[in-house]
C-alpha atoms as a PDB file:
ATOM      1  CA  MET A   1      29.668  93.543  60.498  1.00  0.00           C
ATOM      2  CA  ILE A   2      30.528  90.054  59.240  1.00  0.00           C
ATOM      3  CA  LEU A   3      29.825  91.173  55.661  1.00  0.00           C
ATOM      4  CA  ALA A   4      32.112  94.185  56.226  1.00  0.00           C
ATOM      5  CA  LEU A   5      34.894  91.842  57.444  1.00  0.00           C
ATOM      6  CA  LEU A   6      34.391  89.576  54.405  1.00  0.00           C
ATOM      7  CA  ILE A   7      34.771  92.640  52.150  1.00  0.00           C
ATOM      8  CA  GLY A   8      37.967  93.441  54.110  1.00  0.00           C
ATOM      9  CA  VAL A   9      39.247  89.895  53.503  1.00  0.00           C
ATOM     10  CA  SER A  10      38.541  90.235  49.749  1.00  0.00           C
ATOM     11  CA  GLY A  11      40.798  93.317  49.719  1.00  0.00           C
ATOM     12  CA  SER A  12      43.475  91.352  51.587  1.00  0.00           C
ATOM     13  CA  ILE A  13      43.332  88.547  48.997  1.00  0.00           C
ATOM     14  CA  LEU A  14      43.689  91.117  46.188  1.00  0.00           C
ATOM     15  CA  PHE A  15      46.767  92.645  47.901  1.00  0.00           C
ATOM     16  CA  ILE A  16      48.303  89.174  48.385  1.00  0.00           C
ATOM     17  CA  TYR A  17      47.771  88.505  44.670  1.00  0.00           C
ATOM     18  CA  LEU A  18      49.418  91.847  43.783  1.00  0.00           C
ATOM     19  CA  ASN A  19      52.307  91.102  46.211  1.00  0.00           C
ATOM     20  CA  LEU A  20      51.814  94.429  48.070  1.00  0.00           C
ATOM     21  CA  PRO A  21      53.059  95.192  51.625  1.00  0.00           C
ATOM     22  CA  LEU A  22      50.983  94.159  54.671  1.00  0.00           C
ATOM     23  CA  PRO A  23      48.181  92.680  52.555  1.00  0.00           C
ATOM     24  CA  TRP A  24      45.903  91.682  55.447  1.00  0.00           C
ATOM     25  CA  LEU A  25      45.939  95.205  56.915  1.00  0.00           C
ATOM     26  CA  LEU A  26      46.254  97.479  53.851  1.00  0.00           C
ATOM     27  CA  GLY A  27      44.032  95.306  51.637  1.00  0.00           C
ATOM     28  CA  SER A  28      41.171  95.451  54.124  1.00  0.00           C
ATOM     29  CA  ILE A  29      41.585  99.250  54.470  1.00  0.00           C
ATOM     30  CA  PHE A  30      41.405  99.574  50.680  1.00  0.00           C
ATOM     31  CA  ALA A  31      38.306  97.360  50.274  1.00  0.00           C
ATOM     32  CA  ALA A  32      36.405  98.865  53.240  1.00  0.00           C
ATOM     33  CA  SER A  33      37.201 102.437  52.099  1.00  0.00           C
ATOM     34  CA  ILE A  34      35.564 101.713  48.744  1.00  0.00           C
ATOM     35  CA  ALA A  35      32.628  99.694  50.167  1.00  0.00           C
ATOM     36  CA  MET A  36      31.547 102.347  52.652  1.00  0.00           C
ATOM     37  CA  ARG A  37      30.902 104.812  49.798  1.00  0.00           C
ATOM     38  CA  PHE A  38      27.984 102.581  48.692  1.00  0.00           C
ATOM     39  CA  GLU A  39      25.349 103.598  51.230  1.00  0.00           C
ATOM     40  CA  LYS A  40      22.851 100.870  50.256  1.00  0.00           C
ATOM     41  CA  LEU A  41      25.253  98.071  51.185  1.00  0.00           C
ATOM     42  CA  PRO A  42      24.064  96.465  54.467  1.00  0.00           C
ATOM     43  CA  ILE A  43      27.407  96.906  56.230  1.00  0.00           C
ATOM     44  CA  GLN A  44      28.656  98.586  59.388  1.00  0.00           C
ATOM     45  CA  SER A  45      32.031  99.074  61.055  1.00  0.00           C
ATOM     46  CA  PRO A  46      33.064  95.967  63.038  1.00  0.00           C
ATOM     47  CA  LYS A  47      33.905  98.009  66.174  1.00  0.00           C
ATOM     48  CA  THR A  48      32.492  95.207  68.337  1.00  0.00           C
ATOM     49  CA  PHE A  49      35.552  93.146  67.347  1.00  0.00           C
ATOM     50  CA  SER A  50      37.968  95.925  68.348  1.00  0.00           C
ATOM     51  CA  PRO A  51      38.352  95.061  72.098  1.00  0.00           C
ATOM     52  CA  PRO A  52      39.071  91.332  71.427  1.00  0.00           C
ATOM     53  CA  ALA A  53      41.504  92.341  68.642  1.00  0.00           C
ATOM     54  CA  ARG A  54      43.279  94.752  71.031  1.00  0.00           C
ATOM     55  CA  VAL A  55      43.491  91.989  73.658  1.00  0.00           C
ATOM     56  CA  LEU A  56      45.225  89.718  71.121  1.00  0.00           C
ATOM     57  CA  ILE A  57      47.710  92.479  70.174  1.00  0.00           C
ATOM     58  CA  GLY A  58      48.377  93.176  73.881  1.00  0.00           C
ATOM     59  CA  LEU A  59      49.085  89.479  74.502  1.00  0.00           C
ATOM     60  CA  THR A  60      51.392  89.317  71.447  1.00  0.00           C
ATOM     61  CA  ILE A  61      53.310  92.429  72.562  1.00  0.00           C
ATOM     62  CA  GLY A  62      53.723  90.969  76.065  1.00  0.00           C
ATOM     63  CA  SER A  63      55.064  87.689  74.666  1.00  0.00           C
ATOM     64  CA  ALA A  64      58.087  89.619  73.291  1.00  0.00           C
ATOM     65  CA  PHE A  65      59.154  90.560  76.848  1.00  0.00           C
ATOM     66  CA  THR A  66      61.234  87.448  77.459  1.00  0.00           C
ATOM     67  CA  PRO A  67      63.737  87.285  80.374  1.00  0.00           C
ATOM     68  CA  GLU A  68      66.545  88.013  77.864  1.00  0.00           C
ATOM     69  CA  ILE A  69      64.881  91.205  76.556  1.00  0.00           C
ATOM     70  CA  LEU A  70      64.314  92.628  80.047  1.00  0.00           C
ATOM     71  CA  GLN A  71      68.095  92.843  80.537  1.00  0.00           C
ATOM     72  CA  PHE A  72      68.205  95.697  77.982  1.00  0.00           C
ATOM     73  CA  LEU A  73      65.710  98.020  79.735  1.00  0.00           C
ATOM     74  CA  ASP A  74      68.512 100.225  81.138  1.00  0.00           C
ATOM     75  CA  VAL A  75      69.877 100.667  77.581  1.00  0.00           C
ATOM     76  CA  TYR A  76      66.466 101.956  76.438  1.00  0.00           C
ATOM     77  CA  PHE A  77      66.349 104.639  79.148  1.00  0.00           C
ATOM     78  CA  PHE A  78      68.183 107.449  77.295  1.00  0.00           C
ATOM     79  CA  SER A  79      66.254 106.805  74.092  1.00  0.00           C
ATOM     80  CA  LEU A  80      63.003 107.017  76.109  1.00  0.00           C
ATOM     81  CA  LEU A  81      64.040 110.478  77.370  1.00  0.00           C
ATOM     82  CA  LEU A  82      63.879 111.747  73.772  1.00  0.00           C
ATOM     83  CA  VAL A  83      60.152 110.962  73.720  1.00  0.00           C
ATOM     84  CA  ILE A  84      59.470 113.936  76.049  1.00  0.00           C
ATOM     85  CA  PRO A  85      60.769 116.765  73.756  1.00  0.00           C
ATOM     86  CA  TYR A  86      59.502 114.827  70.702  1.00  0.00           C
ATOM     87  CA  THR A  87      55.916 114.784  72.045  1.00  0.00           C
ATOM     88  CA  ILE A  88      55.949 118.431  73.185  1.00  0.00           C
ATOM     89  CA  ILE A  89      57.399 119.746  69.877  1.00  0.00           C
ATOM     90  CA  THR A  90      54.875 117.641  67.912  1.00  0.00           C
ATOM     91  CA  ILE A  91      51.927 119.101  69.869  1.00  0.00           C
ATOM     92  CA  VAL A  92      53.133 122.731  69.673  1.00  0.00           C
ATOM     93  CA  ALA A  93      53.897 122.552  65.925  1.00  0.00           C
ATOM     94  CA  GLY A  94      50.600 120.790  65.168  1.00  0.00           C
ATOM     95  CA  MET A  95      48.539 123.239  67.210  1.00  0.00           C
ATOM     96  CA  TYR A  96      50.178 126.244  65.492  1.00  0.00           C
ATOM     97  CA  TYR A  97      49.494 124.702  62.067  1.00  0.00           C
ATOM     98  CA  PHE A  98      45.789 123.970  62.698  1.00  0.00           C
ATOM     99  CA  TYR A  99      45.159 127.298  64.469  1.00  0.00           C
ATOM    100  CA  ARG A 100      47.168 129.582  62.161  1.00  0.00           C
ATOM    101  CA  PHE A 101      46.699 127.937  58.748  1.00  0.00           C
ATOM    102  CA  GLN A 102      43.462 125.896  59.016  1.00  0.00           C
ATOM    103  CA  GLY A 103      41.395 128.310  61.100  1.00  0.00           C
ATOM    104  CA  PHE A 104      40.620 125.849  63.916  1.00  0.00           C
ATOM    105  CA  ASP A 105      39.727 127.299  67.319  1.00  0.00           C
ATOM    106  CA  LYS A 106      42.441 126.800  69.991  1.00  0.00           C
ATOM    107  CA  LYS A 107      40.769 123.868  71.768  1.00  0.00           C
ATOM    108  CA  THR A 108      40.084 121.947  68.532  1.00  0.00           C
ATOM    109  CA  ALA A 109      43.580 122.747  67.154  1.00  0.00           C
ATOM    110  CA  TYR A 110      45.177 121.520  70.390  1.00  0.00           C
ATOM    111  CA  LEU A 111      43.323 118.187  70.506  1.00  0.00           C
ATOM    112  CA  SER A 112      43.756 117.657  66.740  1.00  0.00           C
ATOM    113  CA  SER A 113      47.541 118.008  67.131  1.00  0.00           C
ATOM    114  CA  MET A 114      47.824 115.285  69.802  1.00  0.00           C
ATOM    115  CA  PRO A 115      49.983 112.353  68.583  1.00  0.00           C
ATOM    116  CA  GLY A 116      47.791 109.395  69.524  1.00  0.00           C
ATOM    117  CA  GLY A 117      44.663 108.517  71.460  1.00  0.00           C
ATOM    118  CA  VAL A 118      41.817 109.246  68.988  1.00  0.00           C
ATOM    119  CA  ILE A 119      39.005 108.083  71.297  1.00  0.00           C
ATOM    120  CA  GLU A 120      40.523 109.791  74.327  1.00  0.00           C
ATOM    121  CA  MET A 121      40.891 113.116  72.457  1.00  0.00           C
ATOM    122  CA  VAL A 122      37.239 112.954  71.387  1.00  0.00           C
ATOM    123  CA  ILE A 123      36.146 112.340  74.998  1.00  0.00           C
ATOM    124  CA  ILE A 124      38.191 115.359  76.224  1.00  0.00           C
ATOM    125  CA  GLY A 125      36.843 117.396  73.285  1.00  0.00           C
ATOM    126  CA  GLU A 126      33.259 116.671  74.343  1.00  0.00           C
ATOM    127  CA  GLU A 127      34.026 117.826  77.899  1.00  0.00           C
ATOM    128  CA  ILE A 128      35.512 121.184  76.834  1.00  0.00           C
ATOM    129  CA  LYS A 129      33.067 121.719  73.931  1.00  0.00           C
ATOM    130  CA  ALA A 130      35.610 121.552  71.094  1.00  0.00           C
ATOM    131  CA  ASN A 131      34.636 120.603  67.514  1.00  0.00           C
ATOM    132  CA  ILE A 132      34.312 116.796  67.820  1.00  0.00           C
ATOM    133  CA  SER A 133      33.761 116.061  64.113  1.00  0.00           C
ATOM    134  CA  LYS A 134      36.955 117.939  63.149  1.00  0.00           C
ATOM    135  CA  ILE A 135      39.010 116.189  65.869  1.00  0.00           C
ATOM    136  CA  THR A 136      37.712 112.751  64.798  1.00  0.00           C
ATOM    137  CA  LEU A 137      38.345 113.361  61.096  1.00  0.00           C
ATOM    138  CA  VAL A 138      41.821 114.855  61.598  1.00  0.00           C
ATOM    139  CA  GLN A 139      42.979 112.187  64.061  1.00  0.00           C
ATOM    140  CA  SER A 140      41.579 109.391  61.857  1.00  0.00           C
ATOM    141  CA  SER A 141      43.200 110.904  58.741  1.00  0.00           C
ATOM    142  CA  ARG A 142      46.581 111.097  60.521  1.00  0.00           C
ATOM    143  CA  LEU A 143      46.309 107.427  61.482  1.00  0.00           C
ATOM    144  CA  PHE A 144      45.232 106.593  57.917  1.00  0.00           C
ATOM    145  CA  PHE A 145      48.279 108.356  56.368  1.00  0.00           C
ATOM    146  CA  ILE A 146      50.690 106.680  58.803  1.00  0.00           C
ATOM    147  CA  VAL A 147      49.302 103.138  58.417  1.00  0.00           C
ATOM    148  CA  ILE A 148      49.211 103.486  54.621  1.00  0.00           C
ATOM    149  CA  THR A 149      52.722 104.953  54.138  1.00  0.00           C
ATOM    150  CA  LEU A 150      54.758 103.070  56.763  1.00  0.00           C
ATOM    151  CA  PRO A 151      54.651  99.602  55.134  1.00  0.00           C
ATOM    152  CA  PHE A 152      55.782 101.065  51.792  1.00  0.00           C
ATOM    153  CA  VAL A 153      58.638 102.964  53.485  1.00  0.00           C
ATOM    154  CA  ILE A 154      59.728  99.792  55.285  1.00  0.00           C
ATOM    155  CA  GLN A 155      59.499  97.587  52.181  1.00  0.00           C
ATOM    156  CA  TYR A 156      60.810  99.869  49.439  1.00  0.00           C
ATOM    157  CA  ILE A 157      63.214 102.208  51.265  1.00  0.00           C
ATOM    158  CA  PHE A 158      64.607  99.895  53.960  1.00  0.00           C
ATOM    159  CA  GLN A 159      64.251  96.766  51.798  1.00  0.00           C
ATOM    160  CA  VAL A 160      62.470  94.695  54.469  1.00  0.00           C
ATOM    161  CA  ASP A 161      60.147  92.263  52.718  1.00  0.00           C
ATOM    162  CA  ILE A 162      56.645  92.430  54.214  1.00  0.00           C
ATOM    163  CA  ALA A 163      54.732  91.426  51.102  1.00  0.00           C
ATOM    164  CA  GLY A 164      52.833  88.224  50.459  1.00  0.00           C
ATOM    165  CA  ASN A 165      51.135  85.712  52.707  1.00  0.00           C
ATOM    166  CA  LYS A 166      54.017  84.503  54.848  1.00  0.00           C
ATOM    167  CA  LEU A 167      53.624  83.307  58.436  1.00  0.00           C
ATOM    168  CA  ILE A 168      54.159  85.932  61.140  1.00  0.00           C
ATOM    169  CA  THR A 169      54.183  83.582  64.134  1.00  0.00           C
ATOM    170  CA  LEU A 170      53.428  79.888  64.669  1.00  0.00           C
ATOM    171  CA  PRO A 171      50.342  78.446  62.951  1.00  0.00           C
ATOM    172  CA  ILE A 172      47.512  77.390  65.269  1.00  0.00           C
ATOM    173  CA  LYS A 173      48.250  73.670  64.730  1.00  0.00           C
ATOM    174  CA  ASP A 174      51.686  74.109  66.391  1.00  0.00           C
ATOM    175  CA  VAL A 175      50.384  76.040  69.418  1.00  0.00           C
ATOM    176  CA  ASN A 176      49.527  74.582  72.848  1.00  0.00           C
ATOM    177  CA  LEU A 177      45.767  75.219  72.714  1.00  0.00           C
ATOM    178  CA  ILE A 178      45.114  74.807  76.449  1.00  0.00           C
ATOM    179  CA  GLU A 179      47.899  77.287  77.286  1.00  0.00           C
ATOM    180  CA  LEU A 180      46.563  79.633  74.595  1.00  0.00           C
ATOM    181  CA  LEU A 181      43.039  79.457  76.061  1.00  0.00           C
ATOM    182  CA  VAL A 182      44.405  80.274  79.535  1.00  0.00           C
ATOM    183  CA  LEU A 183      46.460  83.163  78.080  1.00  0.00           C
ATOM    184  CA  ILE A 184      43.455  84.667  76.229  1.00  0.00           C
ATOM    185  CA  THR A 185      41.156  84.260  79.275  1.00  0.00           C
ATOM    186  CA  LEU A 186      43.688  86.015  81.527  1.00  0.00           C
ATOM    187  CA  GLY A 187      44.126  88.663  78.829  1.00  0.00           C
ATOM    188  CA  PHE A 188      40.415  89.493  78.862  1.00  0.00           C
ATOM    189  CA  ILE A 189      40.443  89.602  82.681  1.00  0.00           C
ATOM    190  CA  GLY A 190      43.443  91.985  82.498  1.00  0.00           C
ATOM    191  CA  GLY A 191      41.550  94.176  80.014  1.00  0.00           C
ATOM    192  CA  ILE A 192      38.423  94.327  82.210  1.00  0.00           C
ATOM    193  CA  ILE A 193      40.474  95.207  85.326  1.00  0.00           C
ATOM    194  CA  ALA A 194      42.393  97.904  83.371  1.00  0.00           C
ATOM    195  CA  LYS A 195      39.039  99.342  82.203  1.00  0.00           C
ATOM    196  CA  LYS A 196      37.722  99.360  85.796  1.00  0.00           C
ATOM    197  CA  VAL A 197      40.736 101.333  87.053  1.00  0.00           C
ATOM    198  CA  LYS A 198      40.389 103.673  84.007  1.00  0.00           C
ATOM    199  CA  LEU A 199      43.769 102.825  82.487  1.00  0.00           C
ATOM    200  CA  SER A 200      44.348 104.396  79.068  1.00  0.00           C
ATOM    201  CA  ALA A 201      43.991 101.937  76.143  1.00  0.00           C
ATOM    202  CA  ALA A 202      42.721  99.389  78.695  1.00  0.00           C
ATOM    203  CA  PHE A 203      42.110  96.430  76.368  1.00  0.00           C
ATOM    204  CA  LEU A 204      45.647  96.771  74.991  1.00  0.00           C
ATOM    205  CA  ILE A 205      47.644  97.667  78.130  1.00  0.00           C
ATOM    206  CA  GLY A 206      45.831  95.321  80.557  1.00  0.00           C
ATOM    207  CA  PRO A 207      46.431  92.115  78.544  1.00  0.00           C
ATOM    208  CA  MET A 208      49.951  93.332  77.695  1.00  0.00           C
ATOM    209  CA  ILE A 209      50.858  93.603  81.413  1.00  0.00           C
ATOM    210  CA  ILE A 210      49.415  90.112  82.070  1.00  0.00           C
ATOM    211  CA  SER A 211      51.351  88.700  79.101  1.00  0.00           C
ATOM    212  CA  ILE A 212      54.608  90.419  80.150  1.00  0.00           C
ATOM    213  CA  VAL A 213      54.368  88.870  83.645  1.00  0.00           C
ATOM    214  CA  LEU A 214      53.547  85.387  82.281  1.00  0.00           C
ATOM    215  CA  HIS A 215      56.231  85.380  79.562  1.00  0.00           C
ATOM    216  CA  ALA A 216      58.987  87.187  81.514  1.00  0.00           C
ATOM    217  CA  THR A 217      58.674  84.657  84.359  1.00  0.00           C
ATOM    218  CA  GLY A 218      58.548  81.735  81.934  1.00  0.00           C
ATOM    219  CA  LEU A 219      55.135  80.549  83.216  1.00  0.00           C
ATOM    220  CA  VAL A 220      53.780  80.661  79.648  1.00  0.00           C
ATOM    221  CA  THR A 221      55.667  80.173  76.370  1.00  0.00           C
ATOM    222  CA  THR A 222      52.717  80.112  73.953  1.00  0.00           C
ATOM    223  CA  THR A 223      52.135  83.092  71.641  1.00  0.00           C
ATOM    224  CA  VAL A 224      49.030  84.208  69.735  1.00  0.00           C
ATOM    225  CA  PRO A 225      48.860  82.059  66.546  1.00  0.00           C
ATOM    226  CA  ASP A 226      49.299  83.381  63.032  1.00  0.00           C
ATOM    227  CA  GLU A 227      45.672  82.948  61.973  1.00  0.00           C
ATOM    228  CA  LEU A 228      44.388  85.133  64.839  1.00  0.00           C
ATOM    229  CA  LEU A 229      46.902  87.903  64.018  1.00  0.00           C
ATOM    230  CA  LYS A 230      45.690  87.905  60.403  1.00  0.00           C
ATOM    231  CA  PHE A 231      42.127  88.258  61.722  1.00  0.00           C
ATOM    232  CA  VAL A 232      43.267  91.186  63.915  1.00  0.00           C
ATOM    233  CA  GLN A 233      44.729  92.936  60.861  1.00  0.00           C
ATOM    234  CA  VAL A 234      41.457  92.569  58.921  1.00  0.00           C
ATOM    235  CA  VAL A 235      39.469  93.932  61.900  1.00  0.00           C
ATOM    236  CA  PHE A 236      41.660  97.035  62.254  1.00  0.00           C
ATOM    237  CA  GLY A 237      41.908  97.530  58.498  1.00  0.00           C
ATOM    238  CA  THR A 238      38.121  97.402  58.086  1.00  0.00           C
ATOM    239  CA  ILE A 239      37.556  99.779  61.037  1.00  0.00           C
ATOM    240  CA  ILE A 240      40.065 102.295  59.594  1.00  0.00           C
ATOM    241  CA  GLY A 241      38.374 102.018  56.183  1.00  0.00           C
ATOM    242  CA  PHE A 242      35.024 102.924  57.775  1.00  0.00           C
ATOM    243  CA  THR A 243      36.359 106.103  59.427  1.00  0.00           C
ATOM    244  CA  PHE A 244      34.836 108.410  56.821  1.00  0.00           C
ATOM    245  CA  LYS A 245      31.471 106.647  56.524  1.00  0.00           C
ATOM    246  CA  GLY A 246      28.611 109.140  56.324  1.00  0.00           C
ATOM    247  CA  VAL A 247      30.938 112.080  55.655  1.00  0.00           C
ATOM    248  CA  ASP A 248      30.472 113.858  52.328  1.00  0.00           C
ATOM    249  CA  PHE A 249      33.283 113.533  49.782  1.00  0.00           C
ATOM    250  CA  LYS A 250      34.103 117.262  49.783  1.00  0.00           C
ATOM    251  CA  THR A 251      34.697 117.244  53.563  1.00  0.00           C
ATOM    252  CA  ILE A 252      36.865 114.112  53.278  1.00  0.00           C
ATOM    253  CA  ILE A 253      39.084 115.700  50.597  1.00  0.00           C
ATOM    254  CA  LYS A 254      39.338 118.991  52.542  1.00  0.00           C
ATOM    255  CA  THR A 255      40.257 117.127  55.759  1.00  0.00           C
ATOM    256  CA  LEU A 256      42.788 114.888  54.005  1.00  0.00           C
ATOM    257  CA  ILE A 257      44.504 117.946  52.471  1.00  0.00           C
ATOM    258  CA  ALA A 258      44.560 119.745  55.840  1.00  0.00           C
ATOM    259  CA  THR A 259      45.851 116.638  57.637  1.00  0.00           C
ATOM    260  CA  PHE A 260      48.465 115.995  54.959  1.00  0.00           C
ATOM    261  CA  GLY A 261      50.069 119.334  55.866  1.00  0.00           C
ATOM    262  CA  HIS A 262      50.162 118.218  59.498  1.00  0.00           C
ATOM    263  CA  PHE A 263      51.461 114.807  58.380  1.00  0.00           C
ATOM    264  CA  VAL A 264      54.422 116.522  56.613  1.00  0.00           C
ATOM    265  CA  ILE A 265      55.209 118.379  59.870  1.00  0.00           C
ATOM    266  CA  LEU A 266      55.025 115.081  61.813  1.00  0.00           C
ATOM    267  CA  VAL A 267      57.322 113.356  59.312  1.00  0.00           C
ATOM    268  CA  THR A 268      59.889 116.187  59.560  1.00  0.00           C
ATOM    269  CA  ILE A 269      59.938 116.118  63.385  1.00  0.00           C
ATOM    270  CA  SER A 270      59.996 112.305  63.425  1.00  0.00           C
ATOM    271  CA  VAL A 271      62.946 112.149  60.981  1.00  0.00           C
ATOM    272  CA  VAL A 272      64.981 114.467  63.281  1.00  0.00           C
ATOM    273  CA  PHE A 273      64.314 112.337  66.376  1.00  0.00           C
ATOM    274  CA  ILE A 274      64.709 109.011  64.526  1.00  0.00           C
ATOM    275  CA  SER A 275      68.128 110.205  63.276  1.00  0.00           C
ATOM    276  CA  LEU A 276      69.115 111.367  66.785  1.00  0.00           C
ATOM    277  CA  ALA A 277      68.100 108.078  68.419  1.00  0.00           C
ATOM    278  CA  TYR A 278      69.703 106.001  65.659  1.00  0.00           C
ATOM    279  CA  TYR A 279      73.089 107.780  65.700  1.00  0.00           C
ATOM    280  CA  LEU A 280      73.271 108.278  69.482  1.00  0.00           C
ATOM    281  CA  PHE A 281      72.165 104.808  70.615  1.00  0.00           C
ATOM    282  CA  ASP A 282      72.722 102.618  67.530  1.00  0.00           C
ATOM    283  CA  PHE A 283      69.402 100.766  67.743  1.00  0.00           C
ATOM    284  CA  PRO A 284      68.154  99.017  64.549  1.00  0.00           C
ATOM    285  CA  ILE A 285      66.689 101.594  62.165  1.00  0.00           C
ATOM    286  CA  ILE A 286      63.285  99.871  61.705  1.00  0.00           C
ATOM    287  CA  SER A 287      62.758  99.663  65.481  1.00  0.00           C
ATOM    288  CA  THR A 288      63.776 103.321  65.892  1.00  0.00           C
ATOM    289  CA  LEU A 289      61.482 104.345  63.020  1.00  0.00           C
ATOM    290  CA  LEU A 290      58.473 102.625  64.599  1.00  0.00           C
ATOM    291  CA  ALA A 291      59.319 103.893  68.105  1.00  0.00           C
ATOM    292  CA  PHE A 292      59.147 107.522  66.947  1.00  0.00           C
ATOM    293  CA  THR A 293      56.144 107.174  64.633  1.00  0.00           C
ATOM    294  CA  PRO A 294      53.108 109.059  66.019  1.00  0.00           C
ATOM    295  CA  GLY A 295      50.516 106.456  65.099  1.00  0.00           C
ATOM    296  CA  GLY A 296      48.000 104.551  67.168  1.00  0.00           C
ATOM    297  CA  GLN A 297      49.660 102.237  69.671  1.00  0.00           C
ATOM    298  CA  ALA A 298      47.744  99.153  68.517  1.00  0.00           C
ATOM    299  CA  GLU A 299      48.422  99.801  64.814  1.00  0.00           C
ATOM    300  CA  ILE A 300      52.150 100.589  65.205  1.00  0.00           C
ATOM    301  CA  ASN A 301      52.739  97.604  67.501  1.00  0.00           C
ATOM    302  CA  LEU A 302      50.931  95.392  65.010  1.00  0.00           C
ATOM    303  CA  ILE A 303      53.301  96.572  62.241  1.00  0.00           C
ATOM    304  CA  ALA A 304      56.257  96.010  64.623  1.00  0.00           C
ATOM    305  CA  ILE A 305      55.149  92.398  65.147  1.00  0.00           C
ATOM    306  CA  LEU A 306      54.734  91.864  61.398  1.00  0.00           C
ATOM    307  CA  VAL A 307      58.224  93.167  60.494  1.00  0.00           C
ATOM    308  CA  SER A 308      59.961  91.360  63.405  1.00  0.00           C
ATOM    309  CA  ALA A 309      61.167  94.636  64.955  1.00  0.00           C
ATOM    310  CA  SER A 310      62.104  95.024  68.644  1.00  0.00           C
ATOM    311  CA  VAL A 311      58.588  95.062  70.097  1.00  0.00           C
ATOM    312  CA  PRO A 312      59.617  95.853  73.726  1.00  0.00           C
ATOM    313  CA  TYR A 313      61.711  98.856  72.608  1.00  0.00           C
ATOM    314  CA  ILE A 314      58.880 100.211  70.422  1.00  0.00           C
ATOM    315  CA  THR A 315      56.125  99.508  72.974  1.00  0.00           C
ATOM    316  CA  LEU A 316      57.950 101.316  75.797  1.00  0.00           C
ATOM    317  CA  HIS A 317      58.365 104.442  73.638  1.00  0.00           C
ATOM    318  CA  HIS A 318      54.670 104.478  72.746  1.00  0.00           C
ATOM    319  CA  ILE A 319      53.636 103.918  76.375  1.00  0.00           C
ATOM    320  CA  VAL A 320      55.760 106.921  77.467  1.00  0.00           C
ATOM    321  CA  ARG A 321      54.299 109.065  74.625  1.00  0.00           C
ATOM    322  CA  LEU A 322      50.747 108.001  75.480  1.00  0.00           C
ATOM    323  CA  PHE A 323      51.391 108.678  79.183  1.00  0.00           C
ATOM    324  CA  ILE A 324      52.570 112.230  78.393  1.00  0.00           C
ATOM    325  CA  VAL A 325      49.657 112.882  76.002  1.00  0.00           C
ATOM    326  CA  MET A 326      46.971 111.486  78.328  1.00  0.00           C
ATOM    327  CA  ASN A 327      48.258 113.387  81.352  1.00  0.00           C
ATOM    328  CA  ILE A 328      48.962 116.799  79.820  1.00  0.00           C
ATOM    329  CA  ALA A 329      46.032 116.872  77.350  1.00  0.00           C
ATOM    330  CA  PRO A 330      43.214 117.329  79.916  1.00  0.00           C
ATOM    331  CA  ILE A 331      45.200 119.899  81.953  1.00  0.00           C
ATOM    332  CA  PHE A 332      46.073 122.200  79.023  1.00  0.00           C
ATOM    333  CA  ALA A 333      42.731 121.654  77.254  1.00  0.00           C
ATOM    334  CA  LYS A 334      40.867 123.063  80.263  1.00  0.00           C
ATOM    335  CA  ARG A 335      43.247 126.067  80.390  1.00  0.00           C
ATOM    336  CA  LEU A 336      42.415 126.812  76.748  1.00  0.00           C
END
């Protein structure tokens, strides 16, 4: 796993040298994607690092919920209402596409069309005997397309510079280390409690709630340092790069082509709702774009942190979407 992460870092260094967007995330995806094709390399996906990385993202998201930000929650309300039709239309359109044009059975098509929650969809798929390998590949491919294209859209269409090796937050030397240690310890406790009560995305949501309470009340002012956020990007980038490990090349290409069709549908629906939210409520375009992007919550929030978007606004939209998905998915899946 450490060797896999070092390969991820080498990709990040290459992307920094080439001045490409989000080098720590996209560079590690690029390097890991190539490395995992060499089966004799003694490497494996660093999934063990995923829970700690999610805890750090949760704590960083929570640190954005300052007392000043919380005053705008009522303004977000009407934009949050748009998430309901957005999620339903996305699921219906995706299911029709996979069932009608890709020949998936109804259960597999339904869970493949879900915008978010890869692990959760696989768990539900196992329970109702859907095609797990198809769900995993399609959901992972969707996440792959979104994480790869978003930074380029942000940098080259909206002209927001996210290239290079600049600092995202404070470096570790400028952070109160004792306060940071307390914050991380409480974050892990929050993650464990959230897991015990079976909260969705426990190691992200649990620490996030703890961090929101601590930062909104002013009890803690320390944020996760820059070096740790770079490490988080390499972890997620390497894990995403390993998604297709052990899958033959023909299946990968076939799945990517099938998922690209779904990705085009997602982009079309997202553009409609992004435009609606932007013109109706006049929120910044980058924040609106990320709020209505059907990616993984951890990955999208990480990009939001890196581009200095409105993290609370984006996080709330993804929580509402995830809540809808996680509550309606099991009900309808069993009906199918």
